[in-house]
Amino acid sequence: MFRRLSVLAFIAALLFTVRTATAQSNYTITDFFVPNGPLQLQVRKIVETTYSSRRKLPLLLIHGGTGATTSFDLNLEDASFAKSLALGGFTVYMMNIRGWERSTAPVYDLADTSLVAGSCQEAASDIDAVVNYILQGNPNGKINLFGWAAGGHWAAYYTTLHNDKVANLIVLNSLYGVKAPWAFNEAFADAADSSKFSNSIPTYCQSDEQGVADFWKGRASTDTISKADSATIRAFAKSAISFNDEHLLKTPGGFQRESFYMAGGRKYWDAKDITVPTLIIRGDKDFWSRPVDVDTFYDELTSAPNKKKLTIAGGHFLFLDYSGNGRRKLLIAINNFVKKGL
């Protein structure tokens, strides 16, 4: 009797293992590195395999102040924006700009306070290396680009240089070069003269797990997702600091420096130089971008064959807002624009 129960238990365990493996095999996840000179750029590819015969469009996700894995493929149930996009029929690629997560970075001169570490020029070079890798063997191929926050700035700048490689550009919660009040002006500006950039932004920015969580929670009054799901904040913060032995979110500080100047009216690129269909999205409670960024960006897209601006209820981390439906609306907007031009 005992032997029979053992056999049944073994069969049950085997069936459970097979079912689990089958459920997990809905997505194929591939991690690899793409070289850019001496640098190694971390890339993750996600393909949904249940509908393998469906035509899948390539979509590259560009992160903002936190890395690609933390932002777009958070290891929490129903929290992966990348998998949601893959389920919608995209072959999803996520990349980390130099210095983010496991992407390597140059040896910067930490004593040089004028240095812009991780500048938009460097970011564009990294994006181009990954795009060329994705499109290799397809000389006439193009990729869809999605950039969030600083990633939108980088993706747009890249597009002005390489319109021929971009099928559609989508930016979320990104600044444009418009002089207008900004939530971080006081934090980044010199106390004696707000027109001067403060040396409070070092070559590298860093924060511990609690600091990452506090930054998100500190925006709770303007960010719906902060109020909606504290479990997401904890998972996000834990992931953000997990990529080095110091257990810190440590990133090049150039994106903050450039953002400060953009919010004060400096343009690193001009929307008129973008010649591909462009979708500009903003969460109505975003604390990084401003409504004037969306409007001015849209108005100056004079060469884009198709353009659209859209405001969605939600905050800065709209792609993680699955409790408040922000992510669902974002996914619908991306699918409609890329696949139908709507």
Foldseek 3Di string as FASTA:
>chain_A
DVVVVVVVVVVVVVVVVVVVVVVVLQKDKDWDWFDQDPKTKIKIKIAGPPPVVAAAAEEEEEEDLAAFCLQAVQPDPPQHLQVVLNVVRYGYMYIGQDFHQPIHADDDDQVDLVDQGRALVSRLSVVVRVLCVVCPVPVQEAHAYEYAALGLVSQLVNLLVCVSRHAEYEYELYFAQDADDAPCLVVQADPVDSVDGDSPQTQKDKDALVRQLCVLCVLVVLFVVNVVDSPSSNSSSQVRQPRDPVSMNMGGRNSVVVLNNSNRRDGPDFLCSRQHEYEYEYAPSERRYDPVRQVVSQVRNPRYPAYYYYYFHGYSSQCRPPVVCSVVVVSVVVCCCSPPVD
